[in-house]
């Protein structure tokens, strides 16, 4: 097979077309075609379909050019195939395509960020006595310093039952003084009722008549649920019910960030609870030194939300579908098929400086022989539309469209892989491999789990060197996580600690979001805002001693 460099992009003159998109281009119920149907199609009819598909791609690119100016300040958006040229005579029948979002930086001035509503649910059961509770009190004081007059704050304490300590109010100076006094007088009592805490916190957040653009609940516990519902699956289900119970369709989503203090809490439960909400994260706080930085990292995230309700709609243009192209996989946990061959991916909220790279796979189109008189026919294989709420400019954006075009010459030609797409494809497969290894280990198949990781480490190393990305920060972190995951499985026994550790690694890479409480550990997903707040809280803890 012959390898060539990626071809040059289409000229701007080619892209200056006028087009108004209609639902028929991607929501239509396209026919299911088998190979015989394609072979029997009239060549002229198929040629017209491919011509129309190419025109469609150019029109989408032209519209993107006209809209790109409105995106630059908040989110930039692009779509690219793994290879932009794949010959019909090559051995490739499927292509990965990556839809990439990049959020811009956020100014340090407080007024440029979206105001927040935050409810903190703090465990005050008997096990939180003395040092643990004092650390949490100081953390809450640092949090209050970060909030300004447009933010709302509420504090819920929980033990045998949940109790409102500080009602949900705007954070003016008087309210801060009252809250600080209440925090100082918190004391431990009773046992641990997590269901009561989540129920009350969600009820308070949903009761605000005109909520802020960013809404979040922080739950910190050092124990396991031993009052009220205690089964993990019940608590996870109840979390989703409580958060959605009073949610209004026009209100922003609520994110749940959970903090497991020490080794006693059920980390898997807290991770699964966070995953039920849009943008939720779990922080495993292993010791006292990580309490402040974990809270700071989470606060840095919610104080830098630039977009929420971020959503992608992915489809194959009807004309390309007639040439045999279809979506066969979408690698994202929040995906659903909303129509025949049309997929929606719900991303949720996005922080400043964050990226989201959604990998999906399509079968390659096979145009008719007569059309191949054109040596390099360019065929649009995917249409991706982006919509979101811009929390900085208070506007609804989209749909903004982008098209992935793949050339299909009648040869064995293969373009060199797009390096960025190849790296993201390695990320997805690494997360899937660790998840599969964790599943095997949980079933008692430790040897199979280790073999799964060992085989993928070998393949991962080879592919990363082939694309010249072995020294890329993301590749280095993926390699480190693979190696450390294998080391964990080589220990004496597979236990809850190992399961939770592997689960957090999978979640981190699939969500592309940092939930690392230790500021000294490098994490490629930690944004500048999260790093700044984590370090500030850590330094603030030292000053408060």
Protein backbone atom coordinates (compact mmCIF):
# COMPACT_ATOMS: atom_id res chain seq x y z
CA UNK A 1 0.00 0.00 0.00
CA UNK A 2 1.18 3.50 -0.82
CA UNK A 3 1.28 6.14 1.94
CA UNK A 4 0.88 9.83 1.09
CA UNK A 5 0.83 13.01 3.14
CA UNK A 6 -2.50 14.64 3.95
CA UNK A 7 -3.71 16.69 1.02
CA UNK A 8 -4.07 20.45 1.21
CA UNK A 9 -7.40 21.87 2.41
CA UNK A 10 -10.00 23.13 -0.02
CA UNK A 11 -9.59 26.74 -1.10
CA UNK A 12 -11.74 29.43 0.42
CA UNK A 13 -13.16 30.15 -3.05
CA UNK A 14 -14.48 26.59 -3.16
CA UNK A 15 -16.09 27.06 0.23
CA UNK A 16 -17.91 30.35 -0.39
CA UNK A 17 -21.35 28.89 -0.95
CA UNK A 18 -24.70 29.78 0.55
CA UNK A 19 -26.65 27.07 2.30
CA UNK A 20 -29.48 26.72 4.82
CA UNK A 21 -29.48 23.33 6.51
CA UNK A 22 -32.73 21.38 6.84
CA UNK A 23 -33.50 18.33 8.92
CA UNK A 24 -33.80 16.24 5.77
CA UNK A 25 -30.03 16.17 5.39
CA UNK A 26 -29.50 14.08 8.48
CA UNK A 27 -32.69 13.21 10.39
CA UNK A 28 -34.37 11.41 7.50
CA UNK A 29 -35.16 7.72 7.83
CA UNK A 30 -32.63 6.54 5.31
CA UNK A 31 -33.09 3.12 3.69
CA UNK A 32 -31.12 0.14 4.97
CA UNK A 33 -29.04 -0.98 1.99
CA UNK A 34 -27.24 -4.27 1.59
CA UNK A 35 -24.29 -4.99 -0.69
CA UNK A 36 -26.46 -6.39 -3.50
CA UNK A 37 -28.61 -3.26 -3.53
CA UNK A 38 -25.50 -1.11 -3.91
CA UNK A 39 -24.12 -3.19 -6.77
CA UNK A 40 -27.43 -3.06 -8.64
CA UNK A 41 -27.87 0.70 -8.29
CA UNK A 42 -27.78 2.68 -11.48
CA UNK A 43 -24.33 4.26 -11.83
CA UNK A 44 -25.70 7.62 -12.96
CA UNK A 45 -28.04 7.83 -9.95
CA UNK A 46 -25.18 7.02 -7.58
CA UNK A 47 -22.91 9.54 -9.28
CA UNK A 48 -25.56 12.21 -8.70
CA UNK A 49 -25.79 11.20 -5.04
CA UNK A 50 -22.04 11.47 -4.54
CA UNK A 51 -21.92 14.79 -6.39
CA UNK A 52 -24.65 16.07 -4.11
CA UNK A 53 -22.76 14.78 -1.08
CA UNK A 54 -19.60 16.62 -2.12
CA UNK A 55 -21.58 19.83 -2.67
CA UNK A 56 -23.16 19.35 0.74
CA UNK A 57 -19.74 19.04 2.38
CA UNK A 58 -18.52 22.24 0.72
CA UNK A 59 -21.65 24.07 1.81
CA UNK A 60 -21.20 22.96 5.43
CA UNK A 61 -17.57 24.12 5.38
CA UNK A 62 -18.63 27.49 3.99
CA UNK A 63 -21.18 27.95 6.76
CA UNK A 64 -18.53 27.02 9.34
CA UNK A 65 -16.26 29.73 7.92
CA UNK A 66 -19.01 32.33 8.37
CA UNK A 67 -19.74 31.26 11.96
CA UNK A 68 -16.25 30.62 13.28
CA UNK A 69 -15.86 34.18 14.54
CA UNK A 70 -18.71 33.72 17.03
CA UNK A 71 -17.09 30.57 18.45
CA UNK A 72 -13.54 31.73 19.03
CA UNK A 73 -14.22 33.40 22.38
CA UNK A 74 -15.85 30.35 23.97
CA UNK A 75 -15.55 27.04 22.08
CA UNK A 76 -13.76 26.11 18.89
CA UNK A 77 -15.07 23.09 17.04
CA UNK A 78 -13.66 20.83 14.35
CA UNK A 79 -14.14 17.35 12.89
CA UNK A 80 -11.41 15.23 11.30
CA UNK A 81 -11.03 11.65 10.07
CA UNK A 82 -8.22 9.35 11.17
CA UNK A 83 -6.98 9.38 7.55
CA UNK A 84 -8.26 11.89 5.01
CA UNK A 85 -7.49 9.64 2.01
CA UNK A 86 -8.28 5.92 1.95
CA UNK A 87 -8.08 4.10 -1.38
CA UNK A 88 -10.83 1.71 -2.43
CA UNK A 89 -8.24 -1.03 -2.99
CA UNK A 90 -6.71 -0.67 0.47
CA UNK A 91 -7.51 -3.09 3.29
CA UNK A 92 -9.39 -0.37 5.24
CA UNK A 93 -13.18 -0.66 5.51
CA UNK A 94 -13.81 1.42 8.67
CA UNK A 95 -12.57 4.86 9.70
CA UNK A 96 -12.45 6.63 13.04
CA UNK A 97 -13.59 10.25 13.07
CA UNK A 98 -12.96 12.71 15.90
CA UNK A 99 -15.18 15.67 16.81
CA UNK A 100 -13.04 18.04 18.90
CA UNK A 101 -14.10 20.91 21.17
CA UNK A 102 -11.67 23.33 22.76
CA UNK A 103 -12.83 25.87 25.35
CA UNK A 104 -11.01 29.18 25.51
CA UNK A 105 -9.30 30.71 28.53
CA UNK A 106 -11.20 32.61 31.20
CA UNK A 107 -10.11 36.04 32.32
CA UNK A 108 -9.00 36.25 35.96
CA UNK A 109 -11.49 39.04 36.66
CA UNK A 110 -14.38 37.62 38.71
CA UNK A 111 -17.06 39.35 36.66
CA UNK A 112 -16.18 37.40 33.53
CA UNK A 113 -17.24 34.05 35.02
CA UNK A 114 -20.77 32.78 35.38
CA UNK A 115 -22.29 33.12 38.89
CA UNK A 116 -22.87 29.84 40.72
CA UNK A 117 -25.34 28.17 43.08
CA UNK A 118 -23.51 25.73 45.38
CA UNK A 119 -24.85 23.44 48.10
CA UNK A 120 -22.27 21.72 50.33
CA UNK A 121 -23.44 18.56 52.11
CA UNK A 122 -20.98 17.85 54.93
CA UNK A 123 -20.80 14.62 56.91
CA UNK A 124 -20.78 15.45 60.65
CA UNK A 125 -21.22 11.88 61.92
CA UNK A 126 -19.19 10.65 64.90
CA UNK A 127 -16.22 9.51 62.80
CA UNK A 128 -15.60 13.12 61.65
CA UNK A 129 -14.57 14.23 65.12
CA UNK A 130 -11.71 16.65 65.90
CA UNK A 131 -9.14 17.06 63.08
CA UNK A 132 -11.27 15.92 60.14
CA UNK A 133 -14.12 18.30 60.90
CA UNK A 134 -11.73 21.18 61.61
CA UNK A 135 -10.07 20.66 58.21
CA UNK A 136 -13.45 20.71 56.50
CA UNK A 137 -14.44 23.89 58.37
CA UNK A 138 -11.32 25.66 57.14
CA UNK A 139 -11.99 24.42 53.60
CA UNK A 140 -15.50 25.90 53.68
CA UNK A 141 -14.07 29.21 54.85
CA UNK A 142 -11.70 29.25 51.87
CA UNK A 143 -14.64 28.46 49.58
CA UNK A 144 -16.63 31.42 50.94
CA UNK A 145 -13.70 33.73 50.17
CA UNK A 146 -13.90 32.69 46.49
CA UNK A 147 -17.60 33.54 46.15
CA UNK A 148 -18.89 36.97 45.17
CA UNK A 149 -22.22 38.76 45.58
CA UNK A 150 -23.96 37.08 42.61
CA UNK A 151 -23.20 33.57 43.90
CA UNK A 152 -25.48 31.58 46.21
CA UNK A 153 -24.23 29.31 48.99
CA UNK A 154 -25.96 26.75 51.18
CA UNK A 155 -24.57 24.39 53.82
CA UNK A 156 -26.27 21.11 54.75
CA UNK A 157 -24.89 18.92 57.54
CA UNK A 158 -25.84 15.27 57.78
CA UNK A 159 -25.54 12.39 60.21
CA UNK A 160 -28.67 10.38 61.18
CA UNK A 161 -30.58 12.94 59.14
CA UNK A 162 -29.80 16.01 57.03
CA UNK A 163 -30.18 19.55 58.36
CA UNK A 164 -29.92 22.99 56.74
CA UNK A 165 -27.19 24.94 58.53
CA UNK A 166 -26.90 27.90 56.13
CA UNK A 167 -29.92 28.57 53.87
CA UNK A 168 -29.46 29.16 50.14
CA UNK A 169 -28.86 32.91 49.84
CA UNK A 170 -26.78 35.35 47.81
CA UNK A 171 -23.29 35.74 49.28
CA UNK A 172 -23.01 39.31 50.53
CA UNK A 173 -20.66 40.31 53.35
CA UNK A 174 -23.34 39.97 56.04
CA UNK A 175 -24.27 36.50 54.79
CA UNK A 176 -20.62 35.48 54.81
CA UNK A 177 -20.21 36.55 58.44
CA UNK A 178 -23.31 34.57 59.46
CA UNK A 179 -22.12 31.51 57.53
CA UNK A 180 -18.62 31.66 59.02
CA UNK A 181 -20.07 31.80 62.54
CA UNK A 182 -22.29 28.77 61.87
CA UNK A 183 -19.37 26.83 60.38
CA UNK A 184 -17.28 27.53 63.50
CA UNK A 185 -19.97 25.99 65.72
CA UNK A 186 -20.50 22.75 63.77
CA UNK A 187 -20.06 19.60 65.87
CA UNK A 188 -20.21 15.85 65.28
CA UNK A 189 -23.25 13.69 65.99
CA UNK A 190 -24.82 10.34 65.07
CA UNK A 191 -24.27 8.07 62.09
CA UNK A 192 -24.24 8.48 58.25
CA UNK A 193 -27.40 8.99 56.16
CA UNK A 194 -26.16 9.75 52.63
CA UNK A 195 -29.61 9.46 51.01
CA UNK A 196 -31.01 12.15 53.30
CA UNK A 197 -28.08 14.45 52.45
CA UNK A 198 -28.50 14.12 48.68
CA UNK A 199 -32.28 14.44 48.88
CA UNK A 200 -32.15 17.70 50.86
CA UNK A 201 -29.26 19.20 48.88
CA UNK A 202 -30.97 18.53 45.52
CA UNK A 203 -34.28 19.84 46.83
CA UNK A 204 -32.62 23.10 47.91
CA UNK A 205 -30.78 23.53 44.61
CA UNK A 206 -33.97 22.94 42.60
CA UNK A 207 -36.06 25.26 44.77
CA UNK A 208 -34.30 28.44 43.55
CA UNK A 209 -36.78 30.28 41.34
CA UNK A 210 -34.22 32.01 39.12
CA UNK A 211 -31.12 29.83 39.40
CA UNK A 212 -27.66 30.88 38.33
CA UNK A 213 -26.08 29.48 35.16
CA UNK A 214 -23.87 27.05 37.11
CA UNK A 215 -25.31 24.79 39.83
CA UNK A 216 -23.45 22.22 41.89
CA UNK A 217 -23.67 20.03 44.99
CA UNK A 218 -20.53 19.02 46.92
CA UNK A 219 -20.86 15.97 49.17
CA UNK A 220 -18.05 15.01 51.56
CA UNK A 221 -18.13 11.89 53.71
CA UNK A 222 -15.61 9.74 55.58
CA UNK A 223 -17.93 6.78 56.14
CA UNK A 224 -20.37 4.37 54.59
CA UNK A 225 -24.14 4.76 54.56
CA UNK A 226 -25.51 3.05 57.68
CA UNK A 227 -28.82 4.91 58.16
CA UNK A 228 -31.68 5.03 55.64
CA UNK A 229 -31.10 3.36 52.25
CA UNK A 230 -27.67 1.70 52.38
CA UNK A 231 -27.46 -0.44 49.22
CA UNK A 232 -25.15 1.10 46.62
CA UNK A 233 -27.45 0.55 43.64
CA UNK A 234 -30.36 2.11 45.53
CA UNK A 235 -28.33 5.18 46.48
CA UNK A 236 -27.11 5.68 42.90
CA UNK A 237 -30.66 5.40 41.57
CA UNK A 238 -32.00 7.74 44.25
CA UNK A 239 -29.32 10.31 43.42
CA UNK A 240 -30.59 10.54 39.85
CA UNK A 241 -34.19 10.75 41.04
CA UNK A 242 -33.47 13.45 43.64
CA UNK A 243 -31.47 15.62 41.24
CA UNK A 244 -34.12 15.43 38.50
CA UNK A 245 -37.20 15.58 40.77
CA UNK A 246 -37.60 19.34 40.87
CA UNK A 247 -35.54 20.21 37.82
CA UNK A 248 -37.21 22.65 35.45
CA UNK A 249 -36.61 22.16 31.69
CA UNK A 250 -35.24 25.70 31.37
CA UNK A 251 -32.89 25.43 34.36
CA UNK A 252 -29.17 24.59 34.07
CA UNK A 253 -28.19 21.04 35.10
CA UNK A 254 -26.89 20.23 38.59
CA UNK A 255 -23.48 18.60 38.91
CA UNK A 256 -22.62 16.44 41.92
CA UNK A 257 -19.01 16.33 43.13
CA UNK A 258 -18.34 13.67 45.77
CA UNK A 259 -15.37 13.47 48.14
CA UNK A 260 -14.45 10.20 49.85
CA UNK A 261 -12.33 10.94 52.90
CA UNK A 262 -9.93 8.10 53.83
CA UNK A 263 -10.22 4.40 53.03
CA UNK A 264 -13.55 3.66 54.77
CA UNK A 265 -16.02 5.29 52.31
CA UNK A 266 -17.37 3.24 49.41
CA UNK A 267 -15.41 4.96 46.66
CA UNK A 268 -17.19 3.09 43.87
CA UNK A 269 -20.54 4.25 45.25
CA UNK A 270 -19.38 7.88 45.39
CA UNK A 271 -17.96 7.62 41.85
CA UNK A 272 -21.21 6.15 40.50
CA UNK A 273 -23.26 8.81 42.29
CA UNK A 274 -21.20 11.58 40.69
CA UNK A 275 -21.56 9.95 37.27
CA UNK A 276 -25.36 10.21 37.43
CA UNK A 277 -25.11 13.99 37.03
CA UNK A 278 -23.82 16.22 34.26
CA UNK A 279 -20.12 16.94 34.78
CA UNK A 280 -19.93 15.31 38.22
CA UNK A 281 -16.56 14.14 39.59
CA UNK A 282 -15.38 11.92 42.42
CA UNK A 283 -12.30 12.85 44.49
CA UNK A 284 -10.64 10.09 46.54
CA UNK A 285 -9.18 12.07 49.46
CA UNK A 286 -6.65 9.67 50.97
CA UNK A 287 -5.36 11.79 53.84
CA UNK A 288 -5.68 15.16 55.58
CA UNK A 289 -3.18 16.88 53.29
CA UNK A 290 -5.45 16.40 50.25
CA UNK A 291 -8.69 17.84 51.61
CA UNK A 292 -7.93 21.43 50.65
CA UNK A 293 -6.49 20.76 47.19
CA UNK A 294 -9.35 18.38 46.30
CA UNK A 295 -11.94 21.01 47.18
CA UNK A 296 -9.88 23.66 45.42
CA UNK A 297 -9.66 21.61 42.23
CA UNK A 298 -13.44 21.09 42.18
CA UNK A 299 -14.11 24.76 42.98
CA UNK A 300 -11.73 25.80 40.20
CA UNK A 301 -13.88 23.77 37.83
CA UNK A 302 -17.31 25.14 38.70
CA UNK A 303 -15.95 28.70 38.85
CA UNK A 304 -14.72 28.36 35.26
CA UNK A 305 -17.74 26.85 33.47
CA UNK A 306 -17.98 28.51 30.05
CA UNK A 307 -20.69 26.33 28.51
CA UNK A 308 -23.37 23.90 29.63
CA UNK A 309 -25.85 21.61 27.89
CA UNK A 310 -23.12 20.97 25.32
CA UNK A 311 -24.46 18.46 22.82
CA UNK A 312 -23.32 16.90 19.54
CA UNK A 313 -25.56 15.37 16.88
CA UNK A 314 -23.74 12.94 14.59
CA UNK A 315 -25.04 11.53 11.33
CA UNK A 316 -24.04 10.38 7.86
CA UNK A 317 -25.45 12.55 5.06
CA UNK A 318 -28.15 10.66 3.16
CA UNK A 319 -26.21 10.86 -0.09
CA UNK A 320 -23.11 9.27 1.49
CA UNK A 321 -25.27 6.63 3.15
CA UNK A 322 -26.41 5.53 -0.31
CA UNK A 323 -22.77 4.68 -0.99
CA UNK A 324 -22.73 2.34 2.00
CA UNK A 325 -21.44 4.59 4.78
CA UNK A 326 -22.98 4.33 8.25
CA UNK A 327 -22.07 4.96 11.90
CA UNK A 328 -21.17 1.69 13.63
CA UNK A 329 -19.83 2.91 17.01
CA UNK A 330 -19.84 6.06 19.15
CA UNK A 331 -17.29 5.96 21.98
CA UNK A 332 -18.97 8.00 24.70
CA UNK A 333 -20.92 7.00 27.81
CA UNK A 334 -23.72 9.55 27.25
CA UNK A 335 -24.78 8.61 23.74
CA UNK A 336 -28.14 7.63 22.30
CA UNK A 337 -29.60 6.99 18.86
CA UNK A 338 -32.33 9.60 18.35
CA UNK A 339 -33.31 8.52 14.82
CA UNK A 340 -32.28 5.91 12.31
CA UNK A 341 -28.50 6.36 11.99
CA UNK A 342 -28.48 9.64 13.94
CA UNK A 343 -26.63 9.76 17.27
CA UNK A 344 -26.69 12.37 20.01
CA UNK A 345 -23.82 12.78 22.48
CA UNK A 346 -24.55 14.78 25.63
CA UNK A 347 -21.34 16.31 26.98
CA UNK A 348 -22.87 18.55 29.66
CA UNK A 349 -20.78 21.39 31.02
CA UNK A 350 -17.32 22.41 29.86
CA UNK A 351 -14.73 24.33 31.88
CA UNK A 352 -12.40 27.00 30.49
CA UNK A 353 -9.37 25.45 28.72
CA UNK A 354 -10.94 21.98 28.65
CA UNK A 355 -11.08 19.81 25.54
CA UNK A 356 -13.58 17.16 24.53
CA UNK A 357 -12.72 14.68 21.78
CA UNK A 358 -15.55 12.39 20.71
CA UNK A 359 -14.40 9.40 18.66
CA UNK A 360 -16.90 7.55 16.48
CA UNK A 361 -16.51 4.99 13.71
CA UNK A 362 -18.07 4.79 10.25
CA UNK A 363 -17.96 2.27 7.43
CA UNK A 364 -16.30 3.70 4.35
CA UNK A 365 -18.38 4.73 1.35
CA UNK A 366 -17.93 2.82 -1.92
CA UNK A 367 -18.84 5.01 -4.91
CA UNK A 368 -19.68 3.50 -8.30
CA UNK A 369 -17.03 2.64 -10.90
CA UNK A 370 -18.06 5.38 -13.33
CA UNK A 371 -17.69 8.01 -10.65
CA UNK A 372 -14.09 6.88 -10.12
CA UNK A 373 -13.06 8.60 -13.36
CA UNK A 374 -12.34 11.37 -10.87
CA UNK A 375 -9.01 10.20 -9.43
CA UNK A 376 -9.67 11.48 -5.89
CA UNK A 377 -13.41 11.73 -5.17
CA UNK A 378 -14.00 13.50 -1.83
CA UNK A 379 -16.96 12.04 0.04
CA UNK A 380 -18.49 13.48 3.25
CA UNK A 381 -18.70 10.59 5.72
CA UNK A 382 -20.12 12.43 8.71
CA UNK A 383 -22.00 15.56 9.64
CA UNK A 384 -21.58 16.77 13.23
CA UNK A 385 -23.64 19.58 14.75
CA UNK A 386 -22.76 21.36 18.00
CA UNK A 387 -25.17 23.19 20.31
CA UNK A 388 -24.58 24.67 23.77
CA UNK A 389 -25.43 27.46 26.20
CA UNK A 390 -22.66 30.06 26.44
CA UNK A 391 -22.58 30.95 30.15
CA UNK A 392 -20.18 33.87 29.64
CA UNK A 393 -22.17 35.69 26.96
CA UNK A 394 -25.57 34.36 28.11
CA UNK A 395 -26.49 33.09 24.66
CA UNK A 396 -27.59 29.85 23.03
CA UNK A 397 -25.14 28.77 20.33
CA UNK A 398 -25.81 26.48 17.40
CA UNK A 399 -26.37 24.35 15.66
CA UNK A 400 -22.88 24.83 14.24
CA UNK A 401 -21.98 22.17 11.69
CA UNK A 402 -18.80 20.53 10.49
CA UNK A 403 -18.28 17.75 7.98
CA UNK A 404 -15.64 15.00 7.86
CA UNK A 405 -14.55 14.41 4.27
CA UNK A 406 -12.56 11.35 3.17
CA UNK A 407 -11.13 10.97 -0.32
CA UNK A 408 -11.66 7.55 -1.92
CA UNK A 409 -9.36 7.14 -4.98
CA UNK A 410 -9.45 3.90 -6.96
CA UNK A 411 -6.10 2.75 -5.58
CA UNK A 412 -4.37 1.36 -2.48
CA UNK A 413 -3.42 4.84 -1.29
CA UNK A 414 -3.50 5.55 2.44
CA UNK A 415 -2.90 9.01 3.87
CA UNK A 416 -0.69 9.22 6.93
CA UNK A 417 -2.83 9.19 10.11
CA UNK A 418 -3.98 12.48 11.57
CA UNK A 419 -1.76 12.64 14.64
CA UNK A 420 -4.33 14.28 16.93
CA UNK A 421 -7.05 11.82 16.01
CA UNK A 422 -4.65 8.89 16.42
CA UNK A 423 -3.75 10.06 19.95
CA UNK A 424 -7.41 10.33 20.93
CA UNK A 425 -8.09 6.87 19.50
CA UNK A 426 -5.29 5.56 21.74
CA UNK A 427 -6.90 7.33 24.71
CA UNK A 428 -10.29 5.70 24.11
CA UNK A 429 -8.82 2.22 23.68
CA UNK A 430 -6.66 2.64 26.79
CA UNK A 431 -9.67 3.56 28.93
CA UNK A 432 -11.62 0.63 27.48
CA UNK A 433 -8.71 -1.74 28.17
CA UNK A 434 -8.41 -0.69 31.84
CA UNK A 435 -12.20 -1.03 32.22
CA UNK A 436 -12.10 -4.52 30.71
CA UNK A 437 -9.19 -5.53 32.95
CA UNK A 438 -11.09 -4.26 36.00
CA UNK A 439 -14.16 -6.26 34.98
CA UNK A 440 -12.12 -9.44 34.53
CA UNK A 441 -10.36 -8.97 37.88
CA UNK A 442 -13.68 -8.42 39.64
CA UNK A 443 -14.85 -11.77 38.28
CA UNK A 444 -11.75 -13.46 39.68
CA UNK A 445 -9.94 -13.68 36.30
CA UNK A 446 -6.77 -11.93 37.47
CA UNK A 447 -4.45 -13.66 34.98
CA UNK A 448 -6.71 -12.71 32.07
CA UNK A 449 -6.89 -9.14 33.36
CA UNK A 450 -3.10 -8.86 33.53
CA UNK A 451 -2.74 -10.40 30.05
CA UNK A 452 -5.26 -7.87 28.69
CA UNK A 453 -3.15 -4.99 29.99
CA UNK A 454 0.19 -6.50 28.94
CA UNK A 455 -0.97 -7.06 25.35
CA UNK A 456 -2.38 -3.56 25.05
CA UNK A 457 0.75 -1.95 26.56
CA UNK A 458 2.80 -3.61 23.80
CA UNK A 459 0.39 -2.47 21.07
CA UNK A 460 0.06 1.02 22.61
CA UNK A 461 3.85 1.46 22.68
CA UNK A 462 4.19 0.41 19.05
CA UNK A 463 1.40 2.70 17.78
CA UNK A 464 2.52 5.74 19.77
CA UNK A 465 6.04 5.42 18.33
CA UNK A 466 4.69 4.97 14.79
CA UNK A 467 2.82 8.26 14.90
CA UNK A 468 5.71 10.08 16.60
CA UNK A 469 3.76 10.80 19.77
CA UNK A 470 5.67 8.80 22.38
CA UNK A 471 6.71 11.98 24.22
CA UNK A 472 3.31 13.68 24.11
CA UNK A 473 2.05 14.50 27.64
CA UNK A 474 -1.23 12.63 27.15
CA UNK A 475 0.59 9.55 25.80
CA UNK A 476 2.98 9.62 28.76
CA UNK A 477 0.07 9.78 31.22
CA UNK A 478 -1.76 6.95 29.44
CA UNK A 479 1.39 4.83 29.54
CA UNK A 480 1.87 5.58 33.24
CA UNK A 481 -1.76 4.68 34.04
CA UNK A 482 -1.45 1.41 32.12
CA UNK A 483 1.75 0.50 33.96
CA UNK A 484 0.35 1.42 37.38
CA UNK A 485 -2.89 -0.46 36.66
CA UNK A 486 -0.88 -3.57 35.83
CA UNK A 487 1.17 -3.16 39.03
CA UNK A 488 -2.03 -2.94 41.07
CA UNK A 489 -3.26 -6.22 39.61
CA UNK A 490 0.07 -7.89 40.39
CA UNK A 491 -0.50 -7.32 44.10
CA UNK A 492 -1.42 -9.99 46.60
CA UNK A 493 -5.17 -9.57 46.21
CA UNK A 494 -7.80 -7.74 44.21
CA UNK A 495 -9.77 -5.58 46.63
CA UNK A 496 -12.06 -2.57 46.76
CA UNK A 497 -9.08 -0.18 46.78
CA UNK A 498 -7.76 -1.58 43.48
CA UNK A 499 -11.23 -1.58 41.93
CA UNK A 500 -11.80 2.06 42.89
CA UNK A 501 -8.36 3.13 41.65
CA UNK A 502 -8.93 1.54 38.25
CA UNK A 503 -12.43 3.01 38.05
CA UNK A 504 -11.15 6.54 38.67
CA UNK A 505 -8.52 6.15 35.94
CA UNK A 506 -11.13 5.00 33.44
CA UNK A 507 -13.47 7.85 34.38
CA UNK A 508 -10.69 10.44 34.10
CA UNK A 509 -9.73 9.46 30.55
CA UNK A 510 -13.26 8.93 29.27
CA UNK A 511 -14.51 12.26 30.66
CA UNK A 512 -11.23 14.12 29.94
CA UNK A 513 -11.56 15.86 33.31
CA UNK A 514 -9.17 15.98 36.26
CA UNK A 515 -10.32 14.73 39.67
CA UNK A 516 -6.85 14.37 41.18
CA UNK A 517 -6.71 15.72 44.77
CA UNK A 518 -2.91 15.83 44.94
CA UNK A 519 -1.49 18.98 43.34
CA UNK A 520 1.99 17.45 43.12
CA UNK A 521 0.82 14.77 40.68
CA UNK A 522 0.73 15.75 37.03
CA UNK A 523 -2.60 15.44 35.25
CA UNK A 524 -2.95 16.53 31.62
CA UNK A 525 -6.64 17.31 32.10
CA UNK A 526 -6.11 19.76 34.97
CA UNK A 527 -6.86 23.23 33.60
CA UNK A 528 -5.15 26.43 34.68
CA UNK A 529 -8.19 27.49 36.72
CA UNK A 530 -8.36 24.16 38.56
CA UNK A 531 -4.61 24.16 39.23
CA UNK A 532 -4.72 27.77 40.47
CA UNK A 533 -7.61 27.10 42.90
CA UNK A 534 -6.14 23.78 44.13
CA UNK A 535 -2.82 25.45 44.92
CA UNK A 536 -4.54 28.49 46.47
CA UNK A 537 -6.62 26.28 48.79
CA UNK A 538 -3.53 24.27 49.71
CA UNK A 539 -1.60 27.44 50.56
CA UNK A 540 -4.63 28.82 52.40
CA UNK A 541 -4.70 25.69 54.57
CA UNK A 542 -1.11 26.33 55.64
CA UNK A 543 -1.89 29.96 56.52
CA UNK A 544 -4.93 28.94 58.58
CA UNK A 545 -2.87 26.69 60.89
